[in-house]
Amino acid sequence: MHASIRLAVFCGPSLPASDRIEDERVTYLPPAARGDIAKAAGDYDGILLIDGVFHHDLAPSPKECYEAAQRIPMFGASSMGALRAAECWPYGFTPLGIIARWYMREVIDGDDEVAVLTHPQTQAALTVPSVNVRYVAMLARRRGILSRDEERALVAEARSVFYMDRSWEDVLEMTPLHARAAVERIANEEGDLKRWDARFALRGILRRAGQYAVR
């Protein structure tokens, strides 16, 4: 991607304001709804899709994303972007980050894995997405805090809670007692995989474009 790009970044709770790099070539737009990607493909030189709307509105369709990818560079990560990039990557939509890779490898499927309830004014996430629970459980298992069976059981039980209701308090109550303190620490310090993937995607694109020197 050329250094003079005009990049549209559709983002909400997955990329909080503190992570939004100030760059005159980057325009931050709200989570994408149906039609937003098609419009942006005519207004910008590249698109990074992170967040999209879910049940309260129509999300960008795979067809819309496919058609945009035929016109300009398209990148997807973290949330709705990871899902659509995994669906459309053979057609030029570049997936970035762990969550997109999980979708591509069919470790996860469906938008409920990344869906969260958001604050109507601030767009802050009010609930915990399944992918973050998976990530924390995986880290806990790799560090010997949870067994593989405990990891699987925790993820399955957490997924059974509707995404608009799921909290870390709920997840910790489901966690084996011997592991709760350690799992809570991982969740608090490292557990927001959607945020890490969004940061990684934005910085990677700007690094390629020569606009952002990562320190």
Protein backbone atom coordinates (compact mmCIF):
# COMPACT_ATOMS: atom_id res chain seq x y z
CA MET A 1 0.00 0.00 0.00
CA HIS A 2 1.37 3.40 -1.01
CA ALA A 3 2.35 5.97 1.63
CA SER A 4 -0.20 8.50 0.39
CA ILE A 5 -3.25 6.34 1.13
CA ARG A 6 -6.47 7.65 2.60
CA LEU A 7 -7.48 4.89 4.97
CA ALA A 8 -10.97 4.45 6.43
CA VAL A 9 -11.05 2.57 9.73
CA PHE A 10 -14.45 1.32 10.90
CA CYS A 11 -14.12 0.88 14.64
CA GLY A 12 -15.93 1.03 17.95
CA PRO A 13 -15.28 -0.83 21.21
CA SER A 14 -12.49 -2.98 19.80
CA LEU A 15 -10.28 0.05 19.14
CA PRO A 16 -10.81 2.59 21.94
CA ALA A 17 -9.87 6.22 21.44
CA SER A 18 -6.55 5.78 23.23
CA ASP A 19 -5.45 3.29 20.56
CA ARG A 20 -6.46 5.40 17.56
CA ILE A 21 -3.24 6.69 16.07
CA GLU A 22 -3.44 10.28 14.92
CA ASP A 23 -2.57 10.44 11.25
CA GLU A 24 -3.96 12.87 8.69
CA ARG A 25 -4.49 10.05 6.22
CA VAL A 26 -6.64 7.99 8.58
CA THR A 27 -10.36 8.61 9.09
CA TYR A 28 -12.03 6.80 11.97
CA LEU A 29 -15.64 5.88 11.26
CA PRO A 30 -18.29 4.25 13.49
CA PRO A 31 -18.94 0.50 13.32
CA ALA A 32 -19.99 -0.38 9.79
CA ALA A 33 -23.60 -1.03 8.84
CA ARG A 34 -24.97 -2.31 5.53
CA GLY A 35 -23.89 0.01 2.72
CA ASP A 36 -21.07 1.73 4.62
CA ILE A 37 -18.31 -0.40 3.09
CA ALA A 38 -19.63 0.17 -0.44
CA LYS A 39 -19.69 3.92 0.12
CA ALA A 40 -16.22 4.02 1.68
CA ALA A 41 -14.79 2.03 -1.23
CA GLY A 42 -15.61 5.02 -3.41
CA ASP A 43 -14.30 7.63 -0.98
CA TYR A 44 -11.03 6.11 0.30
CA ASP A 45 -7.96 4.29 -0.98
CA GLY A 46 -8.13 1.49 1.59
CA ILE A 47 -10.41 0.18 4.33
CA LEU A 48 -9.67 -1.47 7.65
CA LEU A 49 -12.85 -3.06 8.96
CA ILE A 50 -12.69 -3.75 12.68
CA ASP A 51 -16.16 -3.28 14.15
CA GLY A 52 -19.57 -3.62 12.55
CA VAL A 53 -23.11 -3.47 13.85
CA PHE A 54 -24.85 -6.64 14.93
CA HIS A 55 -28.45 -7.36 15.84
CA HIS A 56 -29.80 -3.81 16.05
CA ASP A 57 -29.00 -3.08 12.38
CA LEU A 58 -27.89 -4.85 9.21
CA ALA A 59 -24.17 -5.63 9.10
CA PRO A 60 -22.03 -5.32 5.95
CA SER A 61 -22.71 -8.39 3.86
CA PRO A 62 -19.99 -10.70 2.46
CA LYS A 63 -21.05 -9.62 -1.05
CA GLU A 64 -20.58 -5.95 -0.18
CA CYS A 65 -17.11 -6.69 1.23
CA TYR A 66 -16.19 -8.82 -1.78
CA GLU A 67 -17.17 -6.06 -4.19
CA ALA A 68 -15.21 -3.46 -2.22
CA ALA A 69 -12.14 -5.71 -2.25
CA GLN A 70 -12.23 -5.69 -6.06
CA ARG A 71 -11.86 -1.89 -6.01
CA ILE A 72 -9.44 -1.03 -3.17
CA PRO A 73 -7.27 -2.81 -0.57
CA MET A 74 -9.45 -4.26 2.20
CA PHE A 75 -8.21 -5.41 5.60
CA GLY A 76 -10.19 -7.00 8.41
CA ALA A 77 -9.43 -7.80 12.04
CA SER A 78 -10.69 -8.24 15.58
CA SER A 79 -14.48 -8.36 15.28
CA MET A 80 -16.82 -8.11 12.30
CA GLY A 81 -13.70 -7.37 10.24
CA ALA A 82 -12.13 -10.70 11.18
CA LEU A 83 -15.29 -12.58 10.25
CA ARG A 84 -15.75 -10.90 6.87
CA ALA A 85 -12.04 -11.12 5.99
CA ALA A 86 -12.05 -14.85 6.72
CA GLU A 87 -15.07 -15.25 4.43
CA CYS A 88 -13.63 -13.14 1.61
CA TRP A 89 -9.87 -13.63 1.83
CA PRO A 90 -9.64 -15.61 -1.45
CA TYR A 91 -10.97 -12.49 -3.20
CA GLY A 92 -8.47 -9.95 -1.89
CA PHE A 93 -9.77 -9.15 1.60
CA THR A 94 -6.70 -9.45 3.86
CA PRO A 95 -7.30 -11.00 7.31
CA LEU A 96 -5.10 -9.78 10.17
CA GLY A 97 -4.69 -11.06 13.72
CA ILE A 98 -5.45 -14.13 15.81
CA ILE A 99 -9.24 -13.89 15.64
CA ALA A 100 -9.26 -13.77 11.84
CA ARG A 101 -6.95 -16.78 11.81
CA TRP A 102 -9.31 -18.64 14.16
CA TYR A 103 -12.19 -17.97 11.78
CA MET A 104 -10.16 -19.14 8.80
CA ARG A 105 -9.16 -22.34 10.59
CA GLU A 106 -12.75 -22.88 11.78
CA VAL A 107 -11.71 -22.82 15.40
CA ILE A 108 -14.65 -20.43 15.73
CA ASP A 109 -17.63 -19.62 13.54
CA GLY A 110 -20.52 -17.19 13.70
CA ASP A 111 -20.70 -13.56 14.69
CA ASP A 112 -21.73 -14.41 18.27
CA GLU A 113 -18.06 -15.16 19.04
CA VAL A 114 -17.12 -11.48 18.71
CA ALA A 115 -20.42 -9.78 19.53
CA VAL A 116 -20.69 -7.51 22.58
CA LEU A 117 -23.26 -5.18 24.09
CA THR A 118 -22.05 -1.59 23.74
CA HIS A 119 -22.84 1.67 25.48
CA PRO A 120 -25.08 3.73 23.15
CA GLN A 121 -23.11 6.96 23.66
CA THR A 122 -19.51 5.93 24.32
CA GLN A 123 -19.51 2.67 22.28
CA ALA A 124 -17.58 1.04 25.13
CA ALA A 125 -18.04 -2.72 25.45
CA LEU A 126 -20.33 -3.64 28.35
CA THR A 127 -20.01 -7.42 28.03
CA VAL A 128 -17.29 -9.97 27.30
CA PRO A 129 -17.02 -11.63 23.86
CA SER A 130 -16.45 -15.37 23.62
CA VAL A 131 -13.15 -14.89 21.80
CA ASN A 132 -11.69 -13.08 24.81
CA VAL A 133 -12.78 -15.92 27.08
CA ARG A 134 -11.17 -18.42 24.68
CA TYR A 135 -7.96 -16.44 24.67
CA VAL A 136 -7.74 -16.17 28.46
CA ALA A 137 -8.57 -19.86 28.89
CA MET A 138 -5.91 -20.79 26.31
CA LEU A 139 -3.27 -18.70 28.09
CA ALA A 140 -4.26 -20.25 31.42
CA ARG A 141 -3.95 -23.75 29.99
CA ARG A 142 -0.57 -23.02 28.40
CA ARG A 143 0.70 -21.76 31.77
CA GLY A 144 -0.47 -24.85 33.59
CA ILE A 145 -3.29 -23.07 35.44
CA LEU A 146 -6.10 -24.97 33.70
CA SER A 147 -6.10 -28.48 32.27
CA ARG A 148 -7.24 -28.94 28.69
CA ASP A 149 -10.56 -30.33 29.89
CA GLU A 150 -11.03 -27.37 32.23
CA GLU A 151 -10.22 -24.98 29.39
CA ARG A 152 -12.80 -26.58 27.10
CA ALA A 153 -15.44 -26.69 29.81
CA LEU A 154 -14.92 -23.03 30.69
CA VAL A 155 -15.22 -21.90 27.09
CA ALA A 156 -18.32 -24.01 26.49
CA GLU A 157 -20.07 -22.78 29.64
CA ALA A 158 -19.18 -19.15 28.90
CA ARG A 159 -20.53 -19.48 25.36
CA SER A 160 -23.83 -20.73 26.74
CA VAL A 161 -24.44 -17.27 28.23
CA PHE A 162 -26.10 -14.83 25.80
CA TYR A 163 -23.54 -12.31 24.59
CA MET A 164 -25.54 -9.35 25.93
CA ASP A 165 -25.38 -10.81 29.43
CA ARG A 166 -21.86 -12.26 29.69
CA SER A 167 -19.45 -10.59 32.15
CA TRP A 168 -16.06 -11.50 33.55
CA GLU A 169 -17.77 -11.98 36.90
CA ASP A 170 -19.91 -14.70 35.27
CA VAL A 171 -16.87 -16.31 33.67
CA LEU A 172 -14.88 -16.33 36.90
CA GLU A 173 -17.74 -18.03 38.74
CA MET A 174 -17.55 -20.78 36.10
CA THR A 175 -13.78 -21.12 36.56
CA PRO A 176 -12.46 -23.86 38.86
CA LEU A 177 -11.85 -22.37 42.30
CA HIS A 178 -8.14 -23.23 42.31
CA ALA A 179 -7.62 -21.17 39.14
CA ARG A 180 -9.87 -18.15 39.68
CA ALA A 181 -7.29 -15.69 40.97
CA ALA A 182 -4.81 -16.49 38.21
CA VAL A 183 -7.47 -16.43 35.48
CA GLU A 184 -8.76 -13.09 36.76
CA ARG A 185 -5.25 -11.66 36.63
CA ILE A 186 -4.77 -12.84 33.03
CA ALA A 187 -8.18 -11.43 32.06
CA ASN A 188 -7.40 -8.03 33.58
CA GLU A 189 -3.86 -7.72 32.24
CA GLU A 190 -3.90 -9.55 28.91
CA GLY A 191 -7.40 -10.70 28.14
CA ASP A 192 -8.75 -8.24 25.56
CA LEU A 193 -7.81 -10.11 22.41
CA LYS A 194 -10.14 -8.02 20.25
CA ARG A 195 -8.25 -4.89 21.29
CA TRP A 196 -4.83 -6.46 20.71
CA ASP A 197 -5.85 -7.62 17.22
CA ALA A 198 -7.27 -4.19 16.33
CA ARG A 199 -4.08 -2.45 17.49
CA PHE A 200 -1.94 -4.96 15.59
CA ALA A 201 -3.92 -4.49 12.37
CA LEU A 202 -3.87 -0.68 12.43
CA ARG A 203 -0.18 -0.43 13.26
CA GLY A 204 0.73 -3.05 10.67
CA ILE A 205 -1.11 -1.28 7.86
CA LEU A 206 0.38 2.10 8.72
CA ARG A 207 3.83 0.60 9.03
CA ARG A 208 3.51 -0.81 5.52
CA ALA A 209 2.35 2.57 4.32
CA GLY A 210 5.36 4.29 5.88
CA GLN A 211 3.20 6.57 7.99
CA TYR A 212 3.80 5.21 11.46
CA ALA A 213 7.10 4.29 13.07
CA VAL A 214 6.36 1.66 15.72
CA ARG A 215 8.50 2.15 18.82
